[in-house]
Amino acid sequence: EKSKNIVSILVGYAKMNNIKIVAEYVSN
């Protein structure tokens, strides 16, 4: 859940600052 929360926070920050989020190592 902590990893999910970190991603959620970073996505929110990125959206507010017009930054695209790329997820590496998507395995499934």
PDB file of all heavy atoms in Angstrom:
ATOM      1  N   GLU A   1       0.821  -1.216   0.000  1.00  0.00           N
ATOM      2  CA  GLU A   1       0.000   0.000   0.000  1.00  0.00           C
ATOM      3  C   GLU A   1       0.854   1.265   0.000  1.00  0.00           C
ATOM      4  O   GLU A   1       0.497   2.274  -0.611  1.00  0.00           O
ATOM      5  CB  GLU A   1      -0.941  -0.016   1.210  1.00  0.00           C
ATOM      6  CG  GLU A   1      -2.083   0.971   1.122  1.00  0.00           C
ATOM      7  CD  GLU A   1      -3.075   0.646  -0.002  1.00  0.00           C
ATOM      8  OE1 GLU A   1      -3.250  -0.531  -0.349  1.00  0.00           O
ATOM      9  OE2 GLU A   1      -3.666   1.600  -0.529  1.00  0.00           O
ATOM     10  N   LYS A   2       2.017   1.212   0.644  1.00  0.00           N
ATOM     11  CA  LYS A   2       2.892   2.388   0.682  1.00  0.00           C
ATOM     12  C   LYS A   2       3.424   2.715  -0.708  1.00  0.00           C
ATOM     13  O   LYS A   2       3.523   3.889  -1.081  1.00  0.00           O
ATOM     14  CB  LYS A   2       4.040   2.168   1.660  1.00  0.00           C
ATOM     15  CG  LYS A   2       3.578   2.153   3.101  1.00  0.00           C
ATOM     16  CD  LYS A   2       4.714   1.897   4.051  1.00  0.00           C
ATOM     17  CE  LYS A   2       4.160   1.818   5.465  1.00  0.00           C
ATOM     18  NZ  LYS A   2       5.190   1.483   6.431  1.00  0.00           N
ATOM     19  N   SER A   3       3.748   1.702  -1.484  1.00  0.00           N
ATOM     20  CA  SER A   3       4.197   1.940  -2.867  1.00  0.00           C
ATOM     21  C   SER A   3       3.083   2.579  -3.680  1.00  0.00           C
ATOM     22  O   SER A   3       3.312   3.521  -4.451  1.00  0.00           O
ATOM     23  CB  SER A   3       4.637   0.635  -3.531  1.00  0.00           C
ATOM     24  OG  SER A   3       5.804   0.157  -2.928  1.00  0.00           O
ATOM     25  N   LYS A   4       1.877   2.082  -3.496  1.00  0.00           N
ATOM     26  CA  LYS A   4       0.723   2.647  -4.201  1.00  0.00           C
ATOM     27  C   LYS A   4       0.510   4.111  -3.786  1.00  0.00           C
ATOM     28  O   LYS A   4       0.234   4.966  -4.628  1.00  0.00           O
ATOM     29  CB  LYS A   4      -0.528   1.824  -3.892  1.00  0.00           C
ATOM     30  CG  LYS A   4      -1.695   2.135  -4.806  1.00  0.00           C
ATOM     31  CD  LYS A   4      -2.941   1.351  -4.454  1.00  0.00           C
ATOM     32  CE  LYS A   4      -2.755  -0.129  -4.653  1.00  0.00           C
ATOM     33  NZ  LYS A   4      -3.992  -0.899  -4.424  1.00  0.00           N
ATOM     34  N   ASN A   5       0.663   4.407  -2.507  1.00  0.00           N
ATOM     35  CA  ASN A   5       0.501   5.780  -2.026  1.00  0.00           C
ATOM     36  C   ASN A   5       1.558   6.712  -2.615  1.00  0.00           C
ATOM     37  O   ASN A   5       1.253   7.856  -2.983  1.00  0.00           O
ATOM     38  CB  ASN A   5       0.552   5.831  -0.501  1.00  0.00           C
ATOM     39  CG  ASN A   5      -0.657   5.185   0.132  1.00  0.00           C
ATOM     40  OD1 ASN A   5      -1.697   5.004  -0.503  1.00  0.00           O
ATOM     41  ND2 ASN A   5      -0.525   4.803   1.392  1.00  0.00           N
ATOM     42  N   ILE A   6       2.791   6.230  -2.705  1.00  0.00           N
ATOM     43  CA  ILE A   6       3.867   7.043  -3.280  1.00  0.00           C
ATOM     44  C   ILE A   6       3.546   7.379  -4.728  1.00  0.00           C
ATOM     45  O   ILE A   6       3.668   8.530  -5.153  1.00  0.00           O
ATOM     46  CB  ILE A   6       5.227   6.322  -3.166  1.00  0.00           C
ATOM     47  CG1 ILE A   6       5.687   6.319  -1.708  1.00  0.00           C
ATOM     48  CG2 ILE A   6       6.278   6.967  -4.065  1.00  0.00           C
ATOM     49  CD1 ILE A   6       6.892   5.440  -1.436  1.00  0.00           C
ATOM     50  N   VAL A   7       3.121   6.377  -5.493  1.00  0.00           N
ATOM     51  CA  VAL A   7       2.778   6.615  -6.898  1.00  0.00           C
ATOM     52  C   VAL A   7       1.626   7.612  -6.989  1.00  0.00           C
ATOM     53  O   VAL A   7       1.655   8.546  -7.799  1.00  0.00           O
ATOM     54  CB  VAL A   7       2.450   5.302  -7.628  1.00  0.00           C
ATOM     55  CG1 VAL A   7       1.886   5.565  -9.016  1.00  0.00           C
ATOM     56  CG2 VAL A   7       3.687   4.406  -7.714  1.00  0.00           C
ATOM     57  N   SER A   8       0.624   7.448  -6.154  1.00  0.00           N
ATOM     58  CA  SER A   8      -0.526   8.340  -6.162  1.00  0.00           C
ATOM     59  C   SER A   8      -0.110   9.784  -5.889  1.00  0.00           C
ATOM     60  O   SER A   8      -0.556  10.716  -6.566  1.00  0.00           O
ATOM     61  CB  SER A   8      -1.548   7.875  -5.129  1.00  0.00           C
ATOM     62  OG  SER A   8      -2.653   8.736  -5.105  1.00  0.00           O
ATOM     63  N   ILE A   9       0.752   9.981  -4.916  1.00  0.00           N
ATOM     64  CA  ILE A   9       1.235  11.324  -4.572  1.00  0.00           C
ATOM     65  C   ILE A   9       2.032  11.921  -5.731  1.00  0.00           C
ATOM     66  O   ILE A   9       1.841  13.084  -6.098  1.00  0.00           O
ATOM     67  CB  ILE A   9       2.078  11.284  -3.283  1.00  0.00           C
ATOM     68  CG1 ILE A   9       1.161  11.004  -2.086  1.00  0.00           C
ATOM     69  CG2 ILE A   9       2.871  12.564  -3.080  1.00  0.00           C
ATOM     70  CD1 ILE A   9       1.891  10.599  -0.822  1.00  0.00           C
ATOM     71  N   LEU A  10       2.914  11.120  -6.322  1.00  0.00           N
ATOM     72  CA  LEU A  10       3.724  11.610  -7.433  1.00  0.00           C
ATOM     73  C   LEU A  10       2.870  11.940  -8.647  1.00  0.00           C
ATOM     74  O   LEU A  10       3.117  12.929  -9.339  1.00  0.00           O
ATOM     75  CB  LEU A  10       4.813  10.604  -7.785  1.00  0.00           C
ATOM     76  CG  LEU A  10       5.929  10.484  -6.743  1.00  0.00           C
ATOM     77  CD1 LEU A  10       6.849   9.320  -7.076  1.00  0.00           C
ATOM     78  CD2 LEU A  10       6.710  11.792  -6.639  1.00  0.00           C
ATOM     79  N   VAL A  11       1.842  11.125  -8.914  1.00  0.00           N
ATOM     80  CA  VAL A  11       0.933  11.410 -10.027  1.00  0.00           C
ATOM     81  C   VAL A  11       0.218  12.733  -9.773  1.00  0.00           C
ATOM     82  O   VAL A  11       0.105  13.571 -10.678  1.00  0.00           O
ATOM     83  CB  VAL A  11      -0.079  10.255 -10.239  1.00  0.00           C
ATOM     84  CG1 VAL A  11      -1.226  10.682 -11.140  1.00  0.00           C
ATOM     85  CG2 VAL A  11       0.615   9.027 -10.807  1.00  0.00           C
ATOM     86  N   GLY A  12      -0.247  12.957  -8.558  1.00  0.00           N
ATOM     87  CA  GLY A  12      -0.919  14.213  -8.229  1.00  0.00           C
ATOM     88  C   GLY A  12      -0.006  15.408  -8.435  1.00  0.00           C
ATOM     89  O   GLY A  12      -0.403  16.409  -9.038  1.00  0.00           O
ATOM     90  N   TYR A  13       1.217  15.299  -7.958  1.00  0.00           N
ATOM     91  CA  TYR A  13       2.184  16.386  -8.139  1.00  0.00           C
ATOM     92  C   TYR A  13       2.443  16.619  -9.625  1.00  0.00           C
ATOM     93  O   TYR A  13       2.461  17.767 -10.095  1.00  0.00           O
ATOM     94  CB  TYR A  13       3.508  16.052  -7.423  1.00  0.00           C
ATOM     95  CG  TYR A  13       4.566  17.102  -7.680  1.00  0.00           C
ATOM     96  CD1 TYR A  13       4.633  18.244  -6.902  1.00  0.00           C
ATOM     97  CD2 TYR A  13       5.483  16.955  -8.727  1.00  0.00           C
ATOM     98  CE1 TYR A  13       5.577  19.225  -7.151  1.00  0.00           C
ATOM     99  CE2 TYR A  13       6.423  17.933  -8.985  1.00  0.00           C
ATOM    100  CZ  TYR A  13       6.474  19.055  -8.194  1.00  0.00           C
ATOM    101  OH  TYR A  13       7.402  20.023  -8.443  1.00  0.00           O
ATOM    102  N   ALA A  14       2.630  15.522 -10.353  1.00  0.00           N
ATOM    103  CA  ALA A  14       2.929  15.636 -11.786  1.00  0.00           C
ATOM    104  C   ALA A  14       1.787  16.305 -12.545  1.00  0.00           C
ATOM    105  O   ALA A  14       2.022  17.171 -13.391  1.00  0.00           O
ATOM    106  CB  ALA A  14       3.226  14.257 -12.367  1.00  0.00           C
ATOM    107  N   LYS A  15       0.562  15.930 -12.245  1.00  0.00           N
ATOM    108  CA  LYS A  15      -0.595  16.524 -12.930  1.00  0.00           C
ATOM    109  C   LYS A  15      -0.660  18.029 -12.681  1.00  0.00           C
ATOM    110  O   LYS A  15      -0.961  18.798 -13.584  1.00  0.00           O
ATOM    111  CB  LYS A  15      -1.894  15.864 -12.471  1.00  0.00           C
ATOM    112  CG  LYS A  15      -1.984  14.377 -12.747  1.00  0.00           C
ATOM    113  CD  LYS A  15      -2.304  14.068 -14.175  1.00  0.00           C
ATOM    114  CE  LYS A  15      -2.493  12.573 -14.352  1.00  0.00           C
ATOM    115  NZ  LYS A  15      -2.008  12.081 -15.616  1.00  0.00           N
ATOM    116  N   MET A  16      -0.365  18.440 -11.446  1.00  0.00           N
ATOM    117  CA  MET A  16      -0.400  19.863 -11.113  1.00  0.00           C
ATOM    118  C   MET A  16       0.702  20.647 -11.823  1.00  0.00           C
ATOM    119  O   MET A  16       0.596  21.859 -11.980  1.00  0.00           O
ATOM    120  CB  MET A  16      -0.249  20.065  -9.600  1.00  0.00           C
ATOM    121  CG  MET A  16      -1.480  19.679  -8.810  1.00  0.00           C
ATOM    122  SD  MET A  16      -1.318  20.113  -7.059  1.00  0.00           S
ATOM    123  CE  MET A  16      -0.319  18.766  -6.456  1.00  0.00           C
ATOM    124  N   ASN A  17       1.762  19.951 -12.258  1.00  0.00           N
ATOM    125  CA  ASN A  17       2.914  20.626 -12.841  1.00  0.00           C
ATOM    126  C   ASN A  17       3.182  20.233 -14.290  1.00  0.00           C
ATOM    127  O   ASN A  17       4.280  20.448 -14.799  1.00  0.00           O
ATOM    128  CB  ASN A  17       4.145  20.359 -11.975  1.00  0.00           C
ATOM    129  CG  ASN A  17       4.030  21.072 -10.648  1.00  0.00           C
ATOM    130  OD1 ASN A  17       4.266  22.268 -10.566  1.00  0.00           O
ATOM    131  ND2 ASN A  17       3.618  20.348  -9.613  1.00  0.00           N
ATOM    132  N   ASN A  18       2.165  19.636 -14.932  1.00  0.00           N
ATOM    133  CA  ASN A  18       2.253  19.288 -16.352  1.00  0.00           C
ATOM    134  C   ASN A  18       3.447  18.383 -16.674  1.00  0.00           C
ATOM    135  O   ASN A  18       4.157  18.599 -17.656  1.00  0.00           O
ATOM    136  CB  ASN A  18       2.288  20.554 -17.217  1.00  0.00           C
ATOM    137  CG  ASN A  18       1.870  20.276 -18.635  1.00  0.00           C
ATOM    138  OD1 ASN A  18       1.064  19.396 -18.890  1.00  0.00           O
ATOM    139  ND2 ASN A  18       2.433  21.019 -19.561  1.00  0.00           N
ATOM    140  N   ILE A  19       3.664  17.391 -15.822  1.00  0.00           N
ATOM    141  CA  ILE A  19       4.721  16.400 -16.013  1.00  0.00           C
ATOM    142  C   ILE A  19       4.044  15.066 -16.298  1.00  0.00           C
ATOM    143  O   ILE A  19       3.099  14.691 -15.610  1.00  0.00           O
ATOM    144  CB  ILE A  19       5.602  16.268 -14.741  1.00  0.00           C
ATOM    145  CG1 ILE A  19       6.248  17.609 -14.401  1.00  0.00           C
ATOM    146  CG2 ILE A  19       6.643  15.169 -14.913  1.00  0.00           C
ATOM    147  CD1 ILE A  19       6.928  17.632 -13.031  1.00  0.00           C
ATOM    148  N   LYS A  20       4.509  14.362 -17.301  1.00  0.00           N
ATOM    149  CA  LYS A  20       3.979  13.024 -17.607  1.00  0.00           C
ATOM    150  C   LYS A  20       4.700  11.991 -16.741  1.00  0.00           C
ATOM    151  O   LYS A  20       5.921  12.042 -16.591  1.00  0.00           O
ATOM    152  CB  LYS A  20       4.202  12.664 -19.077  1.00  0.00           C
ATOM    153  CG  LYS A  20       3.512  13.582 -20.050  1.00  0.00           C
ATOM    154  CD  LYS A  20       2.060  13.247 -20.138  1.00  0.00           C
ATOM    155  CE  LYS A  20       1.405  14.092 -21.218  1.00  0.00           C
ATOM    156  NZ  LYS A  20       0.014  14.219 -21.063  1.00  0.00           N
ATOM    157  N   ILE A  21       3.917  11.070 -16.181  1.00  0.00           N
ATOM    158  CA  ILE A  21       4.478   9.983 -15.366  1.00  0.00           C
ATOM    159  C   ILE A  21       4.624   8.741 -16.228  1.00  0.00           C
ATOM    160  O   ILE A  21       3.679   8.326 -16.904  1.00  0.00           O
ATOM    161  CB  ILE A  21       3.569   9.671 -14.160  1.00  0.00           C
ATOM    162  CG1 ILE A  21       3.543  10.837 -13.181  1.00  0.00           C
ATOM    163  CG2 ILE A  21       4.006   8.387 -13.461  1.00  0.00           C
ATOM    164  CD1 ILE A  21       4.737  10.941 -12.272  1.00  0.00           C
ATOM    165  N   VAL A  22       5.819   8.140 -16.178  1.00  0.00           N
ATOM    166  CA  VAL A  22       6.106   6.890 -16.874  1.00  0.00           C
ATOM    167  C   VAL A  22       6.405   5.835 -15.812  1.00  0.00           C
ATOM    168  O   VAL A  22       7.233   6.051 -14.931  1.00  0.00           O
ATOM    169  CB  VAL A  22       7.333   7.017 -17.801  1.00  0.00           C
ATOM    170  CG1 VAL A  22       7.604   5.706 -18.530  1.00  0.00           C
ATOM    171  CG2 VAL A  22       7.154   8.167 -18.779  1.00  0.00           C
ATOM    172  N   ALA A  23       5.723   4.700 -15.883  1.00  0.00           N
ATOM    173  CA  ALA A  23       5.993   3.585 -14.972  1.00  0.00           C
ATOM    174  C   ALA A  23       6.905   2.594 -15.680  1.00  0.00           C
ATOM    175  O   ALA A  23       6.575   2.110 -16.760  1.00  0.00           O
ATOM    176  CB  ALA A  23       4.701   2.906 -14.552  1.00  0.00           C
ATOM    177  N   GLU A  24       8.045   2.320 -15.088  1.00  0.00           N
ATOM    178  CA  GLU A  24       8.975   1.330 -15.618  1.00  0.00           C
ATOM    179  C   GLU A  24       8.657  -0.039 -15.016  1.00  0.00           C
ATOM    180  O   GLU A  24       8.030  -0.140 -13.968  1.00  0.00           O
ATOM    181  CB  GLU A  24      10.422   1.704 -15.275  1.00  0.00           C
ATOM    182  CG  GLU A  24      10.852   3.027 -15.858  1.00  0.00           C
ATOM    183  CD  GLU A  24      12.299   3.379 -15.535  1.00  0.00           C
ATOM    184  OE1 GLU A  24      12.760   3.111 -14.407  1.00  0.00           O
ATOM    185  OE2 GLU A  24      12.956   3.924 -16.414  1.00  0.00           O
ATOM    186  N   TYR A  25       9.106  -1.076 -15.692  1.00  0.00           N
ATOM    187  CA  TYR A  25       9.003  -2.461 -15.193  1.00  0.00           C
ATOM    188  C   TYR A  25       7.564  -2.924 -14.975  1.00  0.00           C
ATOM    189  O   TYR A  25       7.274  -3.644 -14.020  1.00  0.00           O
ATOM    190  CB  TYR A  25       9.801  -2.639 -13.897  1.00  0.00           C
ATOM    191  CG  TYR A  25      11.284  -2.475 -14.090  1.00  0.00           C
ATOM    192  CD1 TYR A  25      11.896  -1.241 -13.936  1.00  0.00           C
ATOM    193  CD2 TYR A  25      12.071  -3.563 -14.441  1.00  0.00           C
ATOM    194  CE1 TYR A  25      13.253  -1.089 -14.120  1.00  0.00           C
ATOM    195  CE2 TYR A  25      13.425  -3.419 -14.628  1.00  0.00           C
ATOM    196  CZ  TYR A  25      14.019  -2.177 -14.461  1.00  0.00           C
ATOM    197  OH  TYR A  25      15.358  -2.025 -14.658  1.00  0.00           O
ATOM    198  N   VAL A  26       6.670  -2.532 -15.849  1.00  0.00           N
ATOM    199  CA  VAL A  26       5.292  -3.026 -15.763  1.00  0.00           C
ATOM    200  C   VAL A  26       5.318  -4.455 -16.300  1.00  0.00           C
ATOM    201  O   VAL A  26       5.539  -4.675 -17.479  1.00  0.00           O
ATOM    202  CB  VAL A  26       4.320  -2.132 -16.559  1.00  0.00           C
ATOM    203  CG1 VAL A  26       2.909  -2.695 -16.505  1.00  0.00           C
ATOM    204  CG2 VAL A  26       4.366  -0.702 -16.025  1.00  0.00           C
ATOM    205  N   SER A  27       5.077  -5.416 -15.408  1.00  0.00           N
ATOM    206  CA  SER A  27       5.304  -6.818 -15.781  1.00  0.00           C
ATOM    207  C   SER A  27       4.038  -7.630 -16.001  1.00  0.00           C
ATOM    208  O   SER A  27       4.113  -8.741 -16.509  1.00  0.00           O
ATOM    209  CB  SER A  27       6.162  -7.506 -14.718  1.00  0.00           C
ATOM    210  OG  SER A  27       5.517  -7.433 -13.459  1.00  0.00           O
ATOM    211  N   ASN A  28       2.879  -7.094 -15.610  1.00  0.00           N
ATOM    212  CA  ASN A  28       1.647  -7.860 -15.828  1.00  0.00           C
ATOM    213  C   ASN A  28       0.438  -6.929 -15.919  1.00  0.00           C
ATOM    214  O   ASN A  28       0.519  -5.729 -15.633  1.00  0.00           O
ATOM    215  CB  ASN A  28       1.453  -8.925 -14.731  1.00  0.00           C
ATOM    216  CG  ASN A  28       1.262  -8.333 -13.353  1.00  0.00           C
ATOM    217  OD1 ASN A  28       0.397  -7.474 -13.141  1.00  0.00           O
ATOM    218  ND2 ASN A  28       2.058  -8.777 -12.393  1.00  0.00           N
TER     219      ASN A  28
END
